[in-house]
């Protein structure tokens, strides 16, 4: 395979991985909200499970929360 094809393949894998992570984060947020877990606790869990900063976790809450 030429370098261009390898780069395209690697970019596709990276994009798919990032999409999968985002879908997992979204599912976790929605599930925890259904269980009545506070946004603060969800942020803590996102930080722990996905190695996010507090700001990144807050951004995901804003983006994916059912209450938005």
Protein backbone atom coordinates (compact mmCIF):
# COMPACT_ATOMS: atom_id res chain seq x y z
CA UNK A 1 0.00 0.00 0.00
CA UNK A 2 1.25 3.46 -0.75
CA UNK A 3 1.73 6.03 1.99
CA UNK A 4 -1.34 7.98 0.92
CA UNK A 5 -3.57 4.91 1.25
CA UNK A 6 -2.10 4.13 4.66
CA UNK A 7 -2.68 7.69 5.82
CA UNK A 8 -6.29 7.60 4.65
CA UNK A 9 -6.82 4.26 6.39
CA UNK A 10 -5.25 5.51 9.62
CA UNK A 11 -7.36 8.68 9.50
CA UNK A 12 -10.50 6.58 9.04
CA UNK A 13 -9.60 4.38 11.99
CA UNK A 14 -8.92 7.43 14.17
CA UNK A 15 -12.22 9.04 13.15
CA UNK A 16 -14.12 5.82 13.86
CA UNK A 17 -12.46 5.48 17.25
CA UNK A 18 -13.32 9.05 18.22
CA UNK A 19 -16.92 8.57 17.10
CA UNK A 20 -17.17 5.39 19.16
CA UNK A 21 -15.84 7.16 22.24
CA UNK A 22 -18.30 10.01 21.81
CA UNK A 23 -21.21 7.58 21.43
CA UNK A 24 -20.08 5.81 24.60
CA UNK A 25 -19.91 9.10 26.48
CA UNK A 26 -23.35 10.09 25.23
CA UNK A 27 -24.84 6.75 26.29
CA UNK A 28 -23.24 7.01 29.73
CA UNK A 29 -24.55 10.54 30.27
CA UNK A 30 -28.10 9.67 29.20
CA UNK A 31 -28.13 6.47 31.25
CA UNK A 32 -26.88 8.19 34.40
CA UNK A 33 -29.39 11.00 33.95
CA UNK A 34 -32.19 8.42 33.72
CA UNK A 35 -30.93 6.97 37.01
CA UNK A 36 -31.14 10.40 38.65
CA UNK A 37 -27.39 10.83 39.11
CA UNK A 38 -26.34 14.45 39.54
CA UNK A 39 -24.40 16.26 36.82
CA UNK A 40 -21.50 16.69 39.24
CA UNK A 41 -21.28 12.92 39.79
CA UNK A 42 -21.57 12.26 36.05
CA UNK A 43 -18.67 14.65 35.46
CA UNK A 44 -16.58 12.73 38.01
CA UNK A 45 -17.41 9.45 36.30
CA UNK A 46 -16.56 10.84 32.86
CA UNK A 47 -13.22 12.05 34.18
CA UNK A 48 -12.49 8.64 35.66
CA UNK A 49 -13.72 6.42 32.81
CA UNK A 50 -12.50 8.49 29.87
CA UNK A 51 -9.50 10.35 31.37
CA UNK A 52 -11.11 13.72 30.69
CA UNK A 53 -10.44 17.04 32.35
CA UNK A 54 -13.29 18.58 34.31
CA UNK A 55 -13.83 21.12 31.52
CA UNK A 56 -13.97 18.43 28.84
CA UNK A 57 -16.48 16.46 30.91
CA UNK A 58 -18.63 19.57 31.41
CA UNK A 59 -18.56 20.20 27.65
CA UNK A 60 -19.82 16.68 26.99
CA UNK A 61 -22.61 17.16 29.55
CA UNK A 62 -23.68 20.35 27.77
CA UNK A 63 -23.52 18.62 24.41
CA UNK A 64 -25.28 15.35 25.21
CA UNK A 65 -27.53 16.00 28.21
CA UNK A 66 -31.21 15.22 27.69
CA UNK A 67 -32.04 18.37 29.68
CA UNK A 68 -30.40 20.73 27.21
